[in-house]
Amino acid sequence: MTTPEKDRAARMREALPPSTARLLDDVRAWRLTGDGWGKVREVLALLVGAVDEGRLDDTRRALTMLKTCSPVRVVRDANPAMAQPPPTGGLPQDVGELVNHVVHSLGLPEPPPPPAADDSGPAS
């Protein structure tokens, strides 16, 4: 049995670029400044609102804005507001929760878990 929310999510998912899941997964690995994470927070809030209300054009716009926050793009484009000072940290919890909300709302696949660290130490 399908619900209107699941149907809407499926239609939106099909209309979005295939790279959407990868972009959201990549956000989890970004290292940005406090200001950089602030911008990501703002963009993700717009994305959550657009997805929750089924606004496809606004969802696309927010995804495009999110791409511009990427540290790879920031370095390449030398966006001073995002690139200075050097990145200070990984994914803040609230940003991760926003990413997870979008992933679940769109019914996107969960990213694979990171490889387990080998804590056995050097081989003897």
Protein backbone atom coordinates (compact mmCIF):
# COMPACT_ATOMS: atom_id res chain seq x y z
CA MET A 1 0.00 0.00 0.00
CA THR A 2 1.30 3.42 -0.91
CA THR A 3 0.67 6.69 0.78
CA PRO A 4 0.49 10.13 -0.83
CA GLU A 5 3.82 11.03 0.83
CA LYS A 6 5.55 7.95 -0.61
CA ASP A 7 4.08 8.63 -4.05
CA ARG A 8 5.25 12.26 -3.92
CA ALA A 9 8.71 11.19 -2.76
CA ALA A 10 8.96 8.67 -5.60
CA ARG A 11 7.95 11.28 -8.20
CA MET A 12 10.46 13.78 -6.82
CA ARG A 13 13.23 11.17 -6.60
CA GLU A 14 12.68 10.20 -10.24
CA ALA A 15 12.73 13.86 -11.35
CA LEU A 16 15.99 14.70 -9.52
CA PRO A 17 19.46 14.09 -10.92
CA PRO A 18 20.91 10.64 -10.19
CA SER A 19 23.76 12.39 -8.37
CA THR A 20 21.42 13.61 -5.59
CA ALA A 21 22.11 10.68 -3.26
CA ARG A 22 25.86 10.99 -3.83
CA LEU A 23 25.81 14.74 -3.08
CA LEU A 24 23.97 14.20 0.20
CA ASP A 25 26.35 11.38 1.11
CA ASP A 26 29.35 13.60 0.27
CA VAL A 27 28.12 16.34 2.64
CA ARG A 28 28.71 13.91 5.51
CA ALA A 29 32.45 13.83 4.70
CA TRP A 30 32.98 17.56 4.11
CA ARG A 31 35.31 19.52 6.38
CA LEU A 32 34.31 23.18 6.51
CA THR A 33 34.73 26.27 8.63
CA GLY A 34 32.04 27.31 11.07
CA ASP A 35 30.80 29.83 8.51
CA GLY A 36 30.83 27.14 5.84
CA TRP A 37 28.69 24.83 7.96
CA GLY A 38 26.39 27.76 8.66
CA LYS A 39 25.80 28.21 4.93
CA VAL A 40 25.24 24.45 4.51
CA ARG A 41 22.71 24.58 7.38
CA GLU A 42 20.80 27.40 5.64
CA VAL A 43 20.74 25.58 2.32
CA LEU A 44 19.68 22.28 3.91
CA ALA A 45 16.84 24.06 5.73
CA LEU A 46 15.62 25.34 2.35
CA LEU A 47 16.00 21.84 0.91
CA VAL A 48 14.07 20.22 3.76
CA GLY A 49 11.22 22.70 3.31
CA ALA A 50 11.10 22.19 -0.44
CA VAL A 51 11.18 18.39 -0.17
CA ASP A 52 8.59 18.27 2.63
CA GLU A 53 6.22 20.47 0.62
CA GLY A 54 6.86 18.68 -2.68
CA ARG A 55 8.25 21.75 -4.46
CA LEU A 56 10.41 20.19 -7.16
CA ASP A 57 11.84 23.40 -8.64
CA ASP A 58 12.83 24.69 -5.20
CA THR A 59 14.35 21.29 -4.39
CA ARG A 60 16.48 21.49 -7.54
CA ARG A 61 17.56 25.04 -6.69
CA ALA A 62 18.52 24.05 -3.15
CA LEU A 63 20.55 21.08 -4.45
CA THR A 64 22.39 23.41 -6.82
CA MET A 65 23.10 25.78 -3.92
CA LEU A 66 24.34 22.85 -1.84
CA LYS A 67 26.80 21.89 -4.57
CA THR A 68 28.34 25.35 -4.36
CA CYS A 69 29.10 24.75 -0.68
CA SER A 70 31.35 21.79 -1.47
CA PRO A 71 34.89 22.25 -0.14
CA VAL A 72 36.24 21.06 -3.50
CA ARG A 73 34.33 23.78 -5.30
CA VAL A 74 35.19 26.35 -2.64
CA VAL A 75 38.91 25.75 -3.01
CA ARG A 76 38.72 25.72 -6.79
CA ASP A 77 36.64 28.89 -6.94
CA ALA A 78 38.44 30.58 -4.04
CA ASN A 79 35.24 31.69 -2.35
CA PRO A 80 36.70 33.64 0.58
CA ALA A 81 33.56 33.39 2.71
CA MET A 82 33.75 29.61 2.62
CA ALA A 83 37.48 28.93 2.37
CA GLN A 84 38.92 31.06 5.21
CA PRO A 85 40.08 30.18 7.82
CA PRO A 86 41.13 26.58 7.17
CA PRO A 87 38.40 23.99 7.72
CA THR A 88 37.90 23.26 11.38
CA GLY A 89 35.71 20.27 11.58
CA GLY A 90 33.58 17.53 10.21
CA LEU A 91 29.85 17.15 10.05
CA PRO A 92 27.96 18.87 12.89
CA GLN A 93 25.20 16.67 14.35
CA ASP A 94 22.38 19.02 13.35
CA VAL A 95 23.61 19.14 9.75
CA GLY A 96 23.78 15.35 9.67
CA GLU A 97 20.19 15.22 10.91
CA LEU A 98 19.08 17.57 8.11
CA VAL A 99 20.86 15.41 5.52
CA ASN A 100 19.23 12.28 6.97
CA HIS A 101 15.82 13.96 6.85
CA VAL A 102 16.18 14.68 3.12
CA VAL A 103 17.52 11.18 2.38
CA HIS A 104 14.61 9.54 4.22
CA SER A 105 11.99 11.94 2.84
CA LEU A 106 13.06 11.19 -0.73
CA GLY A 107 13.46 7.47 -0.06
CA LEU A 108 17.08 7.57 -1.24
CA PRO A 109 19.36 4.64 -0.46
CA GLU A 110 21.39 4.86 2.71
CA PRO A 111 25.13 5.23 2.15
CA PRO A 112 27.25 2.20 2.90
CA PRO A 113 28.79 2.23 6.37
CA PRO A 114 32.40 3.39 6.52
CA PRO A 115 34.97 0.58 6.53
CA ALA A 116 35.76 -0.67 10.00
CA ALA A 117 39.06 0.53 11.36
CA ASP A 118 41.65 -2.18 11.84
CA ASP A 119 42.59 -1.83 15.49
CA SER A 120 44.74 -4.93 15.58
CA GLY A 121 47.94 -2.90 15.24
CA PRO A 122 50.93 -3.77 13.08
CA ALA A 123 51.45 -7.38 12.12
CA SER A 124 54.16 -9.18 14.05
